[in-house]
Protein backbone atom coordinates (compact mmCIF):
# COMPACT_ATOMS: atom_id res chain seq x y z
CA MET A 1 -2.31 40.27 14.40
CA ASN A 2 -3.20 42.57 11.51
CA ASN A 3 -1.90 40.29 8.75
CA SER A 4 -3.56 37.18 10.15
CA LYS A 5 -4.79 34.77 7.48
CA LYS A 6 -7.17 31.84 7.62
CA ILE A 7 -5.31 28.65 6.65
CA LEU A 8 -7.25 25.45 6.09
CA VAL A 9 -5.14 22.29 6.50
CA VAL A 10 -6.45 19.01 5.04
CA SER A 11 -5.06 15.82 6.55
CA PRO A 12 -5.97 12.14 6.02
CA SER A 13 -6.71 11.94 9.77
CA LEU A 14 -5.34 12.77 13.20
CA GLN A 15 -4.25 9.19 13.80
CA MET A 16 -0.61 8.17 14.19
CA GLY A 17 1.18 8.64 10.86
CA GLY A 18 3.87 10.60 9.06
CA ILE A 19 1.53 12.94 7.17
CA GLU A 20 -0.54 13.58 10.26
CA ARG A 21 2.57 14.31 12.31
CA ALA A 22 3.93 16.76 9.74
CA LEU A 23 0.62 18.59 9.27
CA SER A 24 -0.17 18.86 12.99
CA VAL A 25 3.30 20.34 13.61
CA LEU A 26 2.79 22.92 10.86
CA ALA A 27 -0.79 23.72 11.87
CA ASN A 28 0.29 24.34 15.45
CA TYR A 29 3.09 26.61 14.27
CA PHE A 30 0.75 28.62 12.05
CA ALA A 31 -1.63 29.06 15.01
CA GLU A 32 1.21 30.12 17.30
CA LYS A 33 2.17 32.77 14.72
CA GLY A 34 -1.33 34.24 15.08
CA HIS A 35 -3.05 32.81 12.00
CA GLN A 36 -6.56 31.34 12.06
CA VAL A 37 -6.21 27.63 11.38
CA VAL A 38 -8.87 25.09 10.45
CA PHE A 39 -7.66 21.49 10.57
CA VAL A 40 -9.75 19.14 8.42
CA SER A 41 -9.46 15.43 9.11
CA CYS A 42 -10.73 13.27 6.25
CA ARG A 43 -11.48 10.41 8.63
CA LYS A 44 -13.36 10.37 11.90
CA ALA A 45 -11.09 8.39 14.19
CA THR A 46 -9.30 8.41 17.53
CA ARG A 47 -6.97 11.41 17.68
CA PHE A 48 -3.28 10.78 18.33
CA TYR A 49 -1.80 14.26 17.80
CA GLU A 50 -2.72 17.33 19.82
CA LEU A 51 -3.69 20.61 18.19
CA HIS A 52 -3.24 24.19 19.41
CA PRO A 53 -6.31 25.29 21.43
CA SER A 54 -7.20 27.97 18.87
CA ILE A 55 -7.38 25.53 15.96
CA VAL A 56 -10.85 24.60 14.70
CA LEU A 57 -11.13 20.87 13.96
CA GLU A 58 -13.51 19.64 11.27
CA GLU A 59 -14.09 15.96 10.58
CA PRO A 60 -16.86 14.01 8.83
CA LYS A 61 -19.63 12.52 10.92
CA TYR A 62 -19.67 9.33 8.87
CA SER A 63 -17.15 6.47 9.06
CA ARG A 64 -15.19 5.08 6.13
CA GLY A 65 -17.28 1.91 6.07
CA GLY A 66 -18.79 0.80 2.76
CA SER A 67 -17.38 1.09 -0.74
CA LYS A 68 -14.32 3.21 -1.44
CA LEU A 69 -16.13 5.00 -4.26
CA LEU A 70 -18.98 6.03 -1.95
CA TYR A 71 -16.48 7.19 0.67
CA TYR A 72 -14.66 9.39 -1.85
CA PHE A 73 -17.95 10.83 -3.11
CA ASN A 74 -19.04 11.71 0.42
CA LEU A 75 -15.59 13.07 1.21
CA VAL A 76 -15.65 15.47 -1.74
CA ARG A 77 -19.07 16.72 -0.62
CA PHE A 78 -17.81 17.15 2.95
CA LEU A 79 -14.67 19.00 1.81
CA ARG A 80 -16.60 21.30 -0.50
CA ALA A 81 -19.08 22.21 2.25
CA THR A 82 -16.23 22.78 4.72
CA PHE A 83 -14.37 25.07 2.30
CA LYS A 84 -17.51 27.15 1.76
CA LYS A 85 -18.20 27.28 5.50
CA HIS A 86 -14.82 28.72 6.47
CA HIS A 87 -13.81 30.83 3.44
CA PRO A 88 -10.04 30.31 3.94
CA ASN A 89 -7.32 32.42 2.34
CA VAL A 90 -5.42 29.28 1.37
CA ILE A 91 -5.83 25.50 1.57
CA MET A 92 -2.93 23.12 2.22
CA SER A 93 -3.23 19.38 1.56
CA PHE A 94 -0.73 16.53 1.95
CA GLY A 95 -1.23 13.03 0.58
CA ASP A 96 -1.14 11.52 -2.92
CA ALA A 97 -4.57 9.90 -2.62
CA PHE A 98 -6.29 12.93 -1.04
CA ASN A 99 -4.84 15.82 -3.05
CA PRO A 100 -6.94 15.12 -6.19
CA LEU A 101 -10.08 14.99 -4.03
CA VAL A 102 -9.24 18.32 -2.39
CA LEU A 103 -8.67 19.93 -5.78
CA LEU A 104 -11.89 18.42 -7.12
CA ALA A 105 -13.85 19.73 -4.13
CA ASN A 106 -12.39 23.21 -4.70
CA ILE A 107 -13.37 23.50 -8.38
CA GLY A 108 -15.16 26.79 -9.01
CA SER A 109 -13.49 28.50 -6.06
CA ARG A 110 -10.79 31.13 -6.23
CA VAL A 111 -9.14 29.89 -3.03
CA PRO A 112 -5.56 28.75 -3.81
CA VAL A 113 -4.67 25.17 -2.94
CA VAL A 114 -1.10 24.10 -2.15
CA ILE A 115 -0.46 20.37 -2.25
CA SER A 116 2.35 17.96 -1.44
CA ASP A 117 2.88 14.31 -2.28
CA THR A 118 4.52 12.32 0.49
CA THR A 119 5.32 8.99 -1.16
CA THR A 120 8.21 8.26 -3.48
CA PRO A 121 7.28 10.09 -6.71
CA ASP A 122 7.39 7.04 -9.02
CA PHE A 123 5.07 4.93 -6.85
CA ASN A 124 2.54 3.18 -9.09
CA TYR A 125 -0.87 4.24 -7.80
CA GLY A 126 -4.11 2.95 -9.30
CA ALA A 127 -5.63 4.38 -12.47
CA VAL A 128 -8.11 6.65 -10.66
CA ILE A 129 -5.42 8.41 -8.61
CA ARG A 130 -3.11 8.68 -11.63
CA LEU A 131 -5.86 10.30 -13.69
CA GLY A 132 -6.78 12.59 -10.81
CA LYS A 133 -3.19 13.80 -10.56
CA LYS A 134 -2.86 14.25 -14.32
CA TYR A 135 -5.90 16.48 -14.73
CA LEU A 136 -6.25 18.14 -11.32
CA TYR A 137 -2.70 18.83 -10.12
CA PRO A 138 -2.23 21.69 -12.63
CA LYS A 139 -5.11 23.45 -10.86
CA ALA A 140 -3.02 23.70 -7.68
CA ALA A 141 -1.52 27.08 -6.81
CA GLY A 142 1.64 25.38 -5.60
CA PHE A 143 3.31 22.03 -5.13
CA ILE A 144 5.68 21.33 -2.22
CA ALA A 145 8.31 18.74 -3.08
CA GLN A 146 10.05 17.39 -0.01
CA THR A 147 13.16 16.41 -1.98
CA LYS A 148 14.95 17.55 -5.12
CA VAL A 149 14.28 14.11 -6.60
CA ALA A 150 10.52 14.64 -6.21
CA ALA A 151 10.78 18.17 -7.62
CA ASP A 152 12.66 16.99 -10.74
CA TYR A 153 10.19 14.14 -11.29
CA ASN A 154 7.15 16.42 -11.11
CA PHE A 155 8.78 19.13 -13.22
CA LYS A 156 9.32 16.60 -16.00
CA LYS A 157 5.72 15.48 -15.63
CA PHE A 158 3.97 18.87 -15.37
CA GLY A 159 6.55 21.41 -16.53
CA GLY A 160 5.46 25.03 -16.12
CA ARG A 161 1.89 24.04 -15.26
CA LEU A 162 2.85 23.49 -11.62
CA ASN A 163 4.58 25.95 -9.29
CA ILE A 164 7.06 23.63 -7.53
CA LYS A 165 9.18 24.46 -4.51
CA VAL A 166 11.45 22.12 -2.54
CA ILE A 167 10.67 22.36 1.19
CA PRO A 168 11.72 19.50 3.49
CA ASN A 169 9.42 18.51 6.32
CA ALA A 170 9.78 20.53 9.48
CA ILE A 171 10.41 18.43 12.57
CA LYS A 172 8.87 19.04 15.94
CA ASP A 173 11.00 19.86 18.95
CA VAL A 174 12.27 16.44 20.04
CA THR A 175 12.82 16.18 23.81
CA ILE A 176 15.90 14.24 24.85
CA TYR A 177 15.16 12.68 28.24
CA ASP A 178 17.79 11.97 30.86
CA VAL A 179 16.88 8.29 31.24
CA PRO A 180 18.92 5.06 31.27
CA LYS A 181 19.64 3.60 27.84
CA ASN A 182 18.51 0.08 26.92
CA ASP A 183 20.10 -2.09 24.27
CA TRP A 184 17.13 -1.42 22.01
CA ILE A 185 16.98 -1.17 18.24
CA VAL A 186 13.86 0.93 17.75
CA CYS A 187 11.60 1.25 14.70
CA VAL A 188 8.79 3.82 14.81
CA ALA A 189 6.32 3.39 11.95
CA ARG A 190 2.95 2.00 10.96
CA LEU A 191 3.19 -1.78 10.69
CA SER A 192 2.69 -2.10 6.93
CA ILE A 193 4.42 -3.74 4.00
CA GLU A 194 5.94 -0.51 2.68
CA LYS A 195 7.60 0.17 6.05
CA GLY A 196 9.44 -3.15 5.83
CA GLN A 197 9.51 -4.22 9.47
CA ASP A 198 9.71 -7.83 8.25
CA ARG A 199 13.09 -7.00 6.71
CA LEU A 200 14.40 -5.76 10.06
CA ILE A 201 13.33 -9.01 11.74
CA GLU A 202 15.07 -11.03 9.02
CA ALA A 203 18.25 -8.96 9.31
CA PHE A 204 18.27 -9.22 13.10
CA SER A 205 17.88 -13.01 12.87
CA LYS A 206 21.13 -13.21 10.88
CA ILE A 207 23.12 -11.84 13.84
CA SER A 208 24.23 -14.87 15.80
CA ASP A 209 25.47 -13.16 18.96
CA ARG A 210 22.79 -10.61 19.86
CA GLN A 211 24.14 -10.11 23.41
CA GLY A 212 20.79 -9.17 24.91
CA TRP A 213 19.86 -6.59 22.27
CA LYS A 214 16.18 -6.31 21.39
CA VAL A 215 14.21 -4.97 18.44
CA VAL A 216 11.40 -2.68 19.57
CA PHE A 217 8.49 -1.77 17.27
CA ALA A 218 6.29 1.25 18.02
CA GLY A 219 3.13 1.36 15.92
CA GLU A 220 0.15 -0.66 14.79
CA GLY A 221 -1.03 -1.87 11.40
CA PRO A 222 -2.02 -4.74 9.10
CA LEU A 223 1.46 -6.31 9.00
CA MET A 224 1.29 -7.35 12.65
CA PRO A 225 0.25 -11.02 12.06
CA ARG A 226 3.01 -11.49 9.49
CA LEU A 227 5.59 -9.93 11.80
CA LYS A 228 4.61 -12.18 14.69
CA GLU A 229 4.88 -15.22 12.41
CA ALA A 230 8.36 -14.08 11.37
CA VAL A 231 9.37 -13.67 15.04
CA GLU A 232 8.27 -17.24 15.78
CA GLN A 233 9.87 -18.58 12.60
CA HIS A 234 13.24 -17.13 13.62
CA ASN A 235 12.78 -18.01 17.30
CA LEU A 236 13.03 -14.36 18.37
CA GLN A 237 10.15 -14.32 20.85
CA ASP A 238 12.44 -13.06 23.63
CA ASP A 239 14.22 -10.56 21.38
CA VAL A 240 11.39 -8.58 19.73
CA ILE A 241 8.98 -6.25 21.51
CA PHE A 242 5.74 -4.87 20.05
CA LEU A 243 4.66 -1.75 21.94
CA GLY A 244 1.69 -0.75 19.79
CA LYS A 245 0.88 2.95 19.77
CA VAL A 246 3.35 4.96 21.84
CA LYS A 247 2.22 8.40 22.93
CA ASN A 248 5.61 9.60 24.17
CA VAL A 249 7.85 8.61 21.27
CA ASP A 250 10.56 11.05 22.41
CA LYS A 251 11.04 9.13 25.65
CA LEU A 252 11.22 5.84 23.75
CA LEU A 253 13.93 7.27 21.50
CA SER A 254 15.87 8.47 24.54
CA GLU A 255 15.69 4.98 26.02
CA SER A 256 17.02 3.35 22.83
CA ARG A 257 20.50 3.11 21.31
CA ILE A 258 19.85 2.58 17.58
CA PHE A 259 17.08 3.77 15.24
CA THR A 260 16.19 1.77 12.13
CA LEU A 261 13.94 2.46 9.16
CA PRO A 262 13.77 -0.69 6.98
CA SER A 263 11.19 0.78 4.55
CA ARG A 264 10.74 -0.52 1.02
CA LEU A 265 9.71 2.96 -0.12
CA GLU A 266 9.58 6.39 1.46
CA GLY A 267 9.12 10.02 0.55
CA TYR A 268 10.66 12.10 3.32
CA PRO A 269 10.43 10.07 6.54
CA ASN A 270 9.59 12.19 9.58
CA ALA A 271 10.33 9.33 11.95
CA LEU A 272 13.91 9.14 10.65
CA CYS A 273 14.41 12.88 11.14
CA GLU A 274 13.10 12.62 14.70
CA GLY A 275 15.39 9.65 15.40
CA MET A 276 18.31 11.78 14.26
CA ALA A 277 17.07 14.73 16.32
CA ALA A 278 17.11 12.43 19.35
CA GLY A 279 20.82 11.83 18.74
CA LEU A 280 20.48 8.21 17.63
CA PRO A 281 22.60 6.53 14.97
CA CYS A 282 20.11 5.67 12.22
CA LEU A 283 20.27 2.75 9.79
CA VAL A 284 18.08 2.70 6.65
CA PHE A 285 17.72 1.15 3.23
CA ASP A 286 18.44 3.59 0.40
CA GLY A 287 15.01 3.34 -1.27
CA PHE A 288 14.50 7.10 -0.89
CA PRO A 289 16.71 10.22 -1.26
CA HIS A 290 18.47 9.68 2.07
CA ASP A 291 21.38 11.82 0.88
CA GLU A 292 19.09 14.86 1.12
CA ILE A 293 18.65 14.09 4.83
CA PHE A 294 22.05 12.87 6.05
CA LYS A 295 25.64 12.30 5.01
CA ASN A 296 26.08 8.55 4.71
CA GLY A 297 28.58 7.17 7.19
CA GLU A 298 28.75 10.43 9.12
CA GLU A 299 25.21 11.40 10.17
CA GLY A 300 23.50 8.10 9.40
CA ILE A 301 23.99 4.83 7.52
CA ALA A 302 22.24 3.68 4.34
CA VAL A 303 22.62 0.33 2.59
CA LYS A 304 21.33 -0.86 -0.77
CA ASN A 305 17.57 -1.30 -0.77
CA GLY A 306 16.72 -4.96 -0.22
CA ASP A 307 20.23 -6.09 0.78
CA ILE A 308 19.31 -7.81 4.03
CA ASP A 309 22.84 -9.14 4.58
CA ALA A 310 24.34 -5.65 4.31
CA PHE A 311 21.69 -4.30 6.68
CA ALA A 312 22.46 -7.08 9.19
CA LYS A 313 26.20 -6.39 8.93
CA GLU A 314 25.85 -2.65 9.57
CA LEU A 315 23.38 -3.29 12.39
CA GLU A 316 25.80 -5.68 14.08
CA LEU A 317 28.64 -3.18 13.74
CA LEU A 318 26.54 -0.53 15.47
CA MET A 319 25.54 -2.96 18.21
CA ASN A 320 29.17 -3.82 18.91
CA ASP A 321 30.77 -0.38 18.54
CA PRO A 322 29.64 2.25 21.09
CA VAL A 323 32.21 4.73 19.75
CA LYS A 324 30.68 4.55 16.26
CA ARG A 325 27.17 4.88 17.69
CA GLU A 326 28.18 8.00 19.61
CA TYR A 327 29.96 9.54 16.60
CA ILE A 328 27.06 9.11 14.19
CA GLY A 329 24.43 10.00 16.80
CA LYS A 330 26.23 13.21 17.73
CA ASN A 331 26.52 14.26 14.09
CA ALA A 332 22.86 13.40 13.50
CA LEU A 333 21.88 16.11 15.98
CA ARG A 334 22.70 18.73 13.32
CA ILE A 335 19.27 18.10 11.86
CA ARG A 336 17.65 19.78 14.88
CA GLU A 337 18.76 23.19 13.65
CA ARG A 338 18.49 22.50 9.92
CA LEU A 339 14.85 21.35 9.98
CA SER A 340 13.53 23.07 13.09
CA ILE A 341 9.94 24.26 12.94
CA GLU A 342 11.18 27.79 13.63
CA VAL A 343 13.21 27.68 10.40
CA MET A 344 11.01 25.59 8.13
CA GLY A 345 7.66 26.89 9.41
CA ASP A 346 8.30 30.34 7.99
CA VAL A 347 9.36 28.84 4.65
CA TYR A 348 6.04 26.98 4.47
CA LEU A 349 4.09 30.07 5.46
CA ASN A 350 5.78 32.22 2.83
CA PHE A 351 5.05 29.71 0.07
CA LEU A 352 1.44 29.28 1.17
CA LEU A 353 0.73 33.00 1.30
CA THR A 354 2.89 34.32 -1.56
CA GLY A 355 3.66 31.33 -3.79
CA LYS A 356 7.40 32.08 -3.48
């Protein structure tokens, strides 16, 4: 195509994760639209997401082993060399910890960099990341805020020094399989403290008559030992399933009846959007701007962050009321059109290439 541009996408990795999912979906869309895409993974690791055949993948040859400072130093060198090698028209980077490094690696270049934070905007990062954001973010050509809350926060922080645009994450095409449903309460997320899977186990344990329902976790992570201890503590060994990494998440969603996201903090959760796109009633804590994703009580359910009893109550109501599950799940399907890659992909492209 005559107006083809070279877009360099920087991702923490190609492992299973929300940022990686969002960036791989966008990168594939850009490639399908005829643009030259270079996908840069900041970590050399097993790949979970597939990329369009035309996309060039760059990843460091070294592992992350050793000190964090040495890793960041080597990463900046790797990024700078990669930018010079490919001469992109624009660079896009997602991730609060990686954005300052991308901007640092690009100093002295005229290539515009568009960045996006993915965690809740008031999350208290360490001093190095806070300083990196303070001094390097104004060098970005654009900042994508996934929610109005994040846009307002960063406008107050940076004012006119940062070109901010609100663009929600695009969701991939979620396949709804014609398979039998199980009485499964599914949670798809990395097993980590911020994702709050321990809170789901605690809430589920408060339901006395579980009637054969099971909690199913898809994902891996450092919280696994703690979660297994919690399962034993509450005598839920027969009621909780750990699947590990699941390649076909769409099929798992189709096999389940309820989607839960018990996170302590979130930015704009892709897994939630995909659960809705699968037609599942979704239950979450309100520790993120959920009202920018669904209408509470109609397209999903949110309870006060940390209120385990309220979460357990709403979960039990969904378990016992198939009519309510069907009503909320059917309404949740609206997100398929609102955040489709066909709609949102062009919004991203326009901002990347024009800044508008």
